[in-house]
Amino acid sequence: MGPISDLKERALGFKRGLLFQTVHPIASSLNWKGMLEGGVNHTKIFRKIPECMENTNNLKEMLLVIFTGQ
């Protein structure tokens, strides 16, 4: 990791991008356990993406950034 300016510069060097979001229902805005479980599920899905993309698109370079929060 480094300065956000370095990440921005690197990201702007790509011609294409993929942004995805997952939604995980929780009982209430105070349901901390549900939020953590949603984060774990999101990360599991996120970690599968590079493998799928490498196998189907013959990509040479990817920049993966995960943001969990508001």
PDB file of N, CA and C in Angstrom:
ATOM      1  N   MET A   1       0.847  -1.172   0.000  1.00  0.00           N
ATOM      2  CA  MET A   1       0.000   0.000   0.000  1.00  0.00           C
ATOM      3  C   MET A   1       0.887   1.228   0.000  1.00  0.00           C
ATOM      4  N   GLY A   2       0.363   2.295  -0.409  1.00  0.00           N
ATOM      5  CA  GLY A   2       1.111   3.539  -0.450  1.00  0.00           C
ATOM      6  C   GLY A   2       0.151   4.703  -0.450  1.00  0.00           C
ATOM      7  N   PRO A   3       0.633   5.842  -0.855  1.00  0.00           N
ATOM      8  CA  PRO A   3      -0.226   7.035  -0.894  1.00  0.00           C
ATOM      9  C   PRO A   3      -1.389   6.845  -1.876  1.00  0.00           C
ATOM     10  N   ILE A   4      -2.518   7.433  -1.546  1.00  0.00           N
ATOM     11  CA  ILE A   4      -3.702   7.324  -2.403  1.00  0.00           C
ATOM     12  C   ILE A   4      -3.418   7.906  -3.785  1.00  0.00           C
ATOM     13  N   SER A   5      -2.537   8.881  -3.876  1.00  0.00           N
ATOM     14  CA  SER A   5      -2.203   9.465  -5.181  1.00  0.00           C
ATOM     15  C   SER A   5      -1.537   8.428  -6.085  1.00  0.00           C
ATOM     16  N   ASP A   6      -0.716   7.543  -5.511  1.00  0.00           N
ATOM     17  CA  ASP A   6      -0.081   6.474  -6.299  1.00  0.00           C
ATOM     18  C   ASP A   6      -1.122   5.479  -6.788  1.00  0.00           C
ATOM     19  N   LEU A   7      -2.063   5.139  -5.927  1.00  0.00           N
ATOM     20  CA  LEU A   7      -3.130   4.209  -6.295  1.00  0.00           C
ATOM     21  C   LEU A   7      -3.997   4.816  -7.394  1.00  0.00           C
ATOM     22  N   LYS A   8      -4.306   6.087  -7.254  1.00  0.00           N
ATOM     23  CA  LYS A   8      -5.120   6.770  -8.270  1.00  0.00           C
ATOM     24  C   LYS A   8      -4.410   6.776  -9.616  1.00  0.00           C
ATOM     25  N   GLU A   9      -3.124   7.091  -9.608  1.00  0.00           N
ATOM     26  CA  GLU A   9      -2.350   7.121 -10.849  1.00  0.00           C
ATOM     27  C   GLU A   9      -2.335   5.743 -11.514  1.00  0.00           C
ATOM     28  N   ARG A  10      -2.135   4.722 -10.720  1.00  0.00           N
ATOM     29  CA  ARG A  10      -2.127   3.361 -11.272  1.00  0.00           C
ATOM     30  C   ARG A  10      -3.491   2.983 -11.833  1.00  0.00           C
ATOM     31  N   ALA A  11      -4.553   3.313 -11.102  1.00  0.00           N
ATOM     32  CA  ALA A  11      -5.913   2.984 -11.544  1.00  0.00           C
ATOM     33  C   ALA A  11      -6.248   3.692 -12.852  1.00  0.00           C
ATOM     34  N   LEU A  12      -5.810   4.923 -13.003  1.00  0.00           N
ATOM     35  CA  LEU A  12      -6.105   5.678 -14.226  1.00  0.00           C
ATOM     36  C   LEU A  12      -5.377   5.119 -15.452  1.00  0.00           C
ATOM     37  N   GLY A  13      -4.400   4.251 -15.238  1.00  0.00           N
ATOM     38  CA  GLY A  13      -3.684   3.635 -16.343  1.00  0.00           C
ATOM     39  C   GLY A  13      -4.445   2.488 -17.004  1.00  0.00           C
ATOM     40  N   PHE A  14      -5.544   2.056 -16.398  1.00  0.00           N
ATOM     41  CA  PHE A  14      -6.333   0.957 -16.957  1.00  0.00           C
ATOM     42  C   PHE A  14      -7.405   1.497 -17.885  1.00  0.00           C
ATOM     43  N   LYS A  15      -7.709   0.731 -18.933  1.00  0.00           N
ATOM     44  CA  LYS A  15      -8.737   1.122 -19.888  1.00  0.00           C
ATOM     45  C   LYS A  15     -10.125   0.660 -19.447  1.00  0.00           C
ATOM     46  N   ARG A  16     -10.180  -0.424 -18.687  1.00  0.00           N
ATOM     47  CA  ARG A  16     -11.460  -0.995 -18.269  1.00  0.00           C
ATOM     48  C   ARG A  16     -11.453  -1.224 -16.769  1.00  0.00           C
ATOM     49  N   GLY A  17     -12.651  -1.306 -16.218  1.00  0.00           N
ATOM     50  CA  GLY A  17     -12.768  -1.566 -14.796  1.00  0.00           C
ATOM     51  C   GLY A  17     -14.018  -2.376 -14.497  1.00  0.00           C
ATOM     52  N   LEU A  18     -14.031  -2.949 -13.326  1.00  0.00           N
ATOM     53  CA  LEU A  18     -15.181  -3.706 -12.845  1.00  0.00           C
ATOM     54  C   LEU A  18     -15.434  -3.266 -11.418  1.00  0.00           C
ATOM     55  N   LEU A  19     -16.622  -2.805 -11.167  1.00  0.00           N
ATOM     56  CA  LEU A  19     -17.035  -2.416  -9.835  1.00  0.00           C
ATOM     57  C   LEU A  19     -18.180  -3.323  -9.444  1.00  0.00           C
ATOM     58  N   PHE A  20     -18.108  -3.921  -8.272  1.00  0.00           N
ATOM     59  CA  PHE A  20     -19.221  -4.747  -7.862  1.00  0.00           C
ATOM     60  C   PHE A  20     -19.549  -4.494  -6.406  1.00  0.00           C
ATOM     61  N   GLN A  21     -20.777  -4.801  -6.092  1.00  0.00           N
ATOM     62  CA  GLN A  21     -21.296  -4.590  -4.749  1.00  0.00           C
ATOM     63  C   GLN A  21     -22.087  -5.826  -4.361  1.00  0.00           C
ATOM     64  N   THR A  22     -22.030  -6.179  -3.110  1.00  0.00           N
ATOM     65  CA  THR A  22     -22.874  -7.247  -2.604  1.00  0.00           C
ATOM     66  C   THR A  22     -23.787  -6.660  -1.539  1.00  0.00           C
ATOM     67  N   VAL A  23     -24.949  -7.246  -1.388  1.00  0.00           N
ATOM     68  CA  VAL A  23     -25.918  -6.795  -0.396  1.00  0.00           C
ATOM     69  C   VAL A  23     -26.221  -7.971   0.517  1.00  0.00           C
ATOM     70  N   HIS A  24     -26.109  -7.719   1.790  1.00  0.00           N
ATOM     71  CA  HIS A  24     -26.353  -8.762   2.788  1.00  0.00           C
ATOM     72  C   HIS A  24     -27.364  -8.225   3.797  1.00  0.00           C
ATOM     73  N   PRO A  25     -28.553  -8.806   3.816  1.00  0.00           N
ATOM     74  CA  PRO A  25     -29.578  -8.301   4.730  1.00  0.00           C
ATOM     75  C   PRO A  25     -29.166  -8.499   6.195  1.00  0.00           C
ATOM     76  N   ILE A  26     -29.481  -7.503   7.006  1.00  0.00           N
ATOM     77  CA  ILE A  26     -29.239  -7.605   8.443  1.00  0.00           C
ATOM     78  C   ILE A  26     -30.519  -7.209   9.169  1.00  0.00           C
ATOM     79  N   ALA A  27     -30.635  -7.654  10.411  1.00  0.00           N
ATOM     80  CA  ALA A  27     -31.856  -7.425  11.189  1.00  0.00           C
ATOM     81  C   ALA A  27     -32.068  -5.940  11.495  1.00  0.00           C
ATOM     82  N   SER A  28     -30.991  -5.219  11.788  1.00  0.00           N
ATOM     83  CA  SER A  28     -31.101  -3.795  12.096  1.00  0.00           C
ATOM     84  C   SER A  28     -29.739  -3.137  11.912  1.00  0.00           C
ATOM     85  N   SER A  29     -29.709  -1.823  11.983  1.00  0.00           N
ATOM     86  CA  SER A  29     -28.446  -1.103  11.838  1.00  0.00           C
ATOM     87  C   SER A  29     -27.518  -1.321  13.029  1.00  0.00           C
ATOM     88  N   LEU A  30     -28.011  -1.945  14.072  1.00  0.00           N
ATOM     89  CA  LEU A  30     -27.202  -2.256  15.249  1.00  0.00           C
ATOM     90  C   LEU A  30     -26.718  -3.708  15.257  1.00  0.00           C
ATOM     91  N   ASN A  31     -27.027  -4.453  14.202  1.00  0.00           N
ATOM     92  CA  ASN A  31     -26.677  -5.873  14.125  1.00  0.00           C
ATOM     93  C   ASN A  31     -25.218  -6.027  13.692  1.00  0.00           C
ATOM     94  N   TRP A  32     -24.312  -5.872  14.626  1.00  0.00           N
ATOM     95  CA  TRP A  32     -22.878  -5.928  14.352  1.00  0.00           C
ATOM     96  C   TRP A  32     -22.471  -7.295  13.801  1.00  0.00           C
ATOM     97  N   LYS A  33     -22.999  -8.374  14.386  1.00  0.00           N
ATOM     98  CA  LYS A  33     -22.666  -9.729  13.921  1.00  0.00           C
ATOM     99  C   LYS A  33     -23.077  -9.900  12.454  1.00  0.00           C
ATOM    100  N   GLY A  34     -24.249  -9.426  12.105  1.00  0.00           N
ATOM    101  CA  GLY A  34     -24.717  -9.512  10.722  1.00  0.00           C
ATOM    102  C   GLY A  34     -23.836  -8.724   9.770  1.00  0.00           C
ATOM    103  N   MET A  35     -23.366  -7.554  10.213  1.00  0.00           N
ATOM    104  CA  MET A  35     -22.469  -6.742   9.380  1.00  0.00           C
ATOM    105  C   MET A  35     -21.146  -7.468   9.148  1.00  0.00           C
ATOM    106  N   LEU A  36     -20.615  -8.065  10.202  1.00  0.00           N
ATOM    107  CA  LEU A  36     -19.356  -8.810  10.064  1.00  0.00           C
ATOM    108  C   LEU A  36     -19.518 -10.007   9.138  1.00  0.00           C
ATOM    109  N   GLU A  37     -20.621 -10.727   9.270  1.00  0.00           N
ATOM    110  CA  GLU A  37     -20.886 -11.877   8.392  1.00  0.00           C
ATOM    111  C   GLU A  37     -21.008 -11.420   6.936  1.00  0.00           C
ATOM    112  N   GLY A  38     -21.659 -10.294   6.712  1.00  0.00           N
ATOM    113  CA  GLY A  38     -21.770  -9.745   5.359  1.00  0.00           C
ATOM    114  C   GLY A  38     -20.401  -9.416   4.785  1.00  0.00           C
ATOM    115  N   GLY A  39     -19.534  -8.845   5.620  1.00  0.00           N
ATOM    116  CA  GLY A  39     -18.172  -8.533   5.179  1.00  0.00           C
ATOM    117  C   GLY A  39     -17.386  -9.777   4.816  1.00  0.00           C
ATOM    118  N   VAL A  40     -17.543 -10.826   5.605  1.00  0.00           N
ATOM    119  CA  VAL A  40     -16.862 -12.094   5.327  1.00  0.00           C
ATOM    120  C   VAL A  40     -17.368 -12.670   4.011  1.00  0.00           C
ATOM    121  N   ASN A  41     -18.673 -12.657   3.805  1.00  0.00           N
ATOM    122  CA  ASN A  41     -19.240 -13.186   2.560  1.00  0.00           C
ATOM    123  C   ASN A  41     -18.785 -12.367   1.357  1.00  0.00           C
ATOM    124  N   HIS A  42     -18.765 -11.052   1.503  1.00  0.00           N
ATOM    125  CA  HIS A  42     -18.309 -10.186   0.414  1.00  0.00           C
ATOM    126  C   HIS A  42     -16.853 -10.501   0.051  1.00  0.00           C
ATOM    127  N   THR A  43     -16.016 -10.656   1.053  1.00  0.00           N
ATOM    128  CA  THR A  43     -14.602 -10.945   0.815  1.00  0.00           C
ATOM    129  C   THR A  43     -14.421 -12.291   0.129  1.00  0.00           C
ATOM    130  N   LYS A  44     -15.211 -13.290   0.493  1.00  0.00           N
ATOM    131  CA  LYS A  44     -15.131 -14.603  -0.169  1.00  0.00           C
ATOM    132  C   LYS A  44     -15.425 -14.465  -1.660  1.00  0.00           C
ATOM    133  N   ILE A  45     -16.462 -13.711  -1.977  1.00  0.00           N
ATOM    134  CA  ILE A  45     -16.816 -13.502  -3.385  1.00  0.00           C
ATOM    135  C   ILE A  45     -15.709 -12.723  -4.095  1.00  0.00           C
ATOM    136  N   PHE A  46     -15.240 -11.650  -3.455  1.00  0.00           N
ATOM    137  CA  PHE A  46     -14.206 -10.798  -4.026  1.00  0.00           C
ATOM    138  C   PHE A  46     -12.950 -11.587  -4.369  1.00  0.00           C
ATOM    139  N   ARG A  47     -12.566 -12.504  -3.515  1.00  0.00           N
ATOM    140  CA  ARG A  47     -11.332 -13.268  -3.722  1.00  0.00           C
ATOM    141  C   ARG A  47     -11.442 -14.265  -4.884  1.00  0.00           C
ATOM    142  N   LYS A  48     -12.642 -14.600  -5.304  1.00  0.00           N
ATOM    143  CA  LYS A  48     -12.828 -15.509  -6.442  1.00  0.00           C
ATOM    144  C   LYS A  48     -12.715 -14.781  -7.783  1.00  0.00           C
ATOM    145  N   ILE A  49     -12.949 -13.499  -7.787  1.00  0.00           N
ATOM    146  CA  ILE A  49     -12.984 -12.727  -9.032  1.00  0.00           C
ATOM    147  C   ILE A  49     -11.672 -12.780  -9.808  1.00  0.00           C
ATOM    148  N   PRO A  50     -10.513 -12.525  -9.176  1.00  0.00           N
ATOM    149  CA  PRO A  50      -9.264 -12.540  -9.959  1.00  0.00           C
ATOM    150  C   PRO A  50      -9.022 -13.873 -10.662  1.00  0.00           C
ATOM    151  N   GLU A  51      -9.272 -14.956  -9.976  1.00  0.00           N
ATOM    152  CA  GLU A  51      -9.061 -16.278 -10.576  1.00  0.00           C
ATOM    153  C   GLU A  51      -9.971 -16.460 -11.788  1.00  0.00           C
ATOM    154  N   CYS A  52     -11.227 -16.102 -11.658  1.00  0.00           N
ATOM    155  CA  CYS A  52     -12.162 -16.235 -12.780  1.00  0.00           C
ATOM    156  C   CYS A  52     -11.753 -15.346 -13.945  1.00  0.00           C
ATOM    157  N   MET A  53     -11.345 -14.134 -13.662  1.00  0.00           N
ATOM    158  CA  MET A  53     -10.967 -13.207 -14.733  1.00  0.00           C
ATOM    159  C   MET A  53      -9.678 -13.638 -15.415  1.00  0.00           C
ATOM    160  N   GLU A  54      -8.716 -14.125 -14.661  1.00  0.00           N
ATOM    161  CA  GLU A  54      -7.460 -14.579 -15.262  1.00  0.00           C
ATOM    162  C   GLU A  54      -7.707 -15.763 -16.179  1.00  0.00           C
ATOM    163  N   ASN A  55      -8.590 -16.658 -15.763  1.00  0.00           N
ATOM    164  CA  ASN A  55      -8.852 -17.865 -16.547  1.00  0.00           C
ATOM    165  C   ASN A  55      -9.660 -17.582 -17.808  1.00  0.00           C
ATOM    166  N   THR A  56     -10.467 -16.543 -17.812  1.00  0.00           N
ATOM    167  CA  THR A  56     -11.347 -16.318 -18.960  1.00  0.00           C
ATOM    168  C   THR A  56     -10.925 -15.151 -19.843  1.00  0.00           C
ATOM    169  N   ASN A  57     -10.141 -14.236 -19.331  1.00  0.00           N
ATOM    170  CA  ASN A  57      -9.819 -13.024 -20.095  1.00  0.00           C
ATOM    171  C   ASN A  57      -8.342 -12.866 -20.404  1.00  0.00           C
ATOM    172  N   ASN A  58      -7.515 -13.790 -19.984  1.00  0.00           N
ATOM    173  CA  ASN A  58      -6.081 -13.722 -20.249  1.00  0.00           C
ATOM    174  C   ASN A  58      -5.506 -12.356 -19.850  1.00  0.00           C
ATOM    175  N   LEU A  59      -5.842 -11.923 -18.660  1.00  0.00           N
ATOM    176  CA  LEU A  59      -5.376 -10.618 -18.186  1.00  0.00           C
ATOM    177  C   LEU A  59      -3.935 -10.705 -17.709  1.00  0.00           C
ATOM    178  N   LYS A  60      -3.169  -9.671 -18.011  1.00  0.00           N
ATOM    179  CA  LYS A  60      -1.774  -9.632 -17.591  1.00  0.00           C
ATOM    180  C   LYS A  60      -1.602  -8.867 -16.294  1.00  0.00           C
ATOM    181  N   GLU A  61      -2.462  -7.903 -16.044  1.00  0.00           N
ATOM    182  CA  GLU A  61      -2.330  -7.098 -14.841  1.00  0.00           C
ATOM    183  C   GLU A  61      -3.707  -6.691 -14.332  1.00  0.00           C
ATOM    184  N   MET A  62      -3.868  -6.728 -13.009  1.00  0.00           N
ATOM    185  CA  MET A  62      -5.099  -6.298 -12.372  1.00  0.00           C
ATOM    186  C   MET A  62      -4.748  -5.461 -11.155  1.00  0.00           C
ATOM    187  N   LEU A  63      -5.628  -4.559 -10.828  1.00  0.00           N
ATOM    188  CA  LEU A  63      -5.518  -3.780  -9.603  1.00  0.00           C
ATOM    189  C   LEU A  63      -6.768  -4.083  -8.800  1.00  0.00           C
ATOM    190  N   LEU A  64      -6.608  -4.743  -7.687  1.00  0.00           N
ATOM    191  CA  LEU A  64      -7.736  -5.130  -6.866  1.00  0.00           C
ATOM    192  C   LEU A  64      -7.787  -4.263  -5.619  1.00  0.00           C
ATOM    193  N   VAL A  65      -8.921  -3.648  -5.409  1.00  0.00           N
ATOM    194  CA  VAL A  65      -9.108  -2.808  -4.233  1.00  0.00           C
ATOM    195  C   VAL A  65     -10.437  -3.197  -3.600  1.00  0.00           C
ATOM    196  N   ILE A  66     -10.420  -3.472  -2.324  1.00  0.00           N
ATOM    197  CA  ILE A  66     -11.649  -3.792  -1.618  1.00  0.00           C
ATOM    198  C   ILE A  66     -11.938  -2.673  -0.638  1.00  0.00           C
ATOM    199  N   PHE A  67     -13.181  -2.238  -0.655  1.00  0.00           N
ATOM    200  CA  PHE A  67     -13.633  -1.211   0.265  1.00  0.00           C
ATOM    201  C   PHE A  67     -14.811  -1.761   1.025  1.00  0.00           C
ATOM    202  N   THR A  68     -14.680  -1.865   2.299  1.00  0.00           N
ATOM    203  CA  THR A  68     -15.809  -2.270   3.127  1.00  0.00           C
ATOM    204  C   THR A  68     -16.065  -1.150   4.104  1.00  0.00           C
ATOM    205  N   GLY A  69     -17.145  -0.527   3.963  1.00  0.00           N
ATOM    206  CA  GLY A  69     -17.481   0.589   4.833  1.00  0.00           C
ATOM    207  C   GLY A  69     -18.437   1.523   4.153  1.00  0.00           C
ATOM    208  N   GLN A  70     -18.597   2.661   4.762  1.00  0.00           N
ATOM    209  CA  GLN A  70     -19.562   3.625   4.235  1.00  0.00           C
ATOM    210  C   GLN A  70     -18.863   4.809   3.643  1.00  0.00           C
TER     211      GLN A  70
END
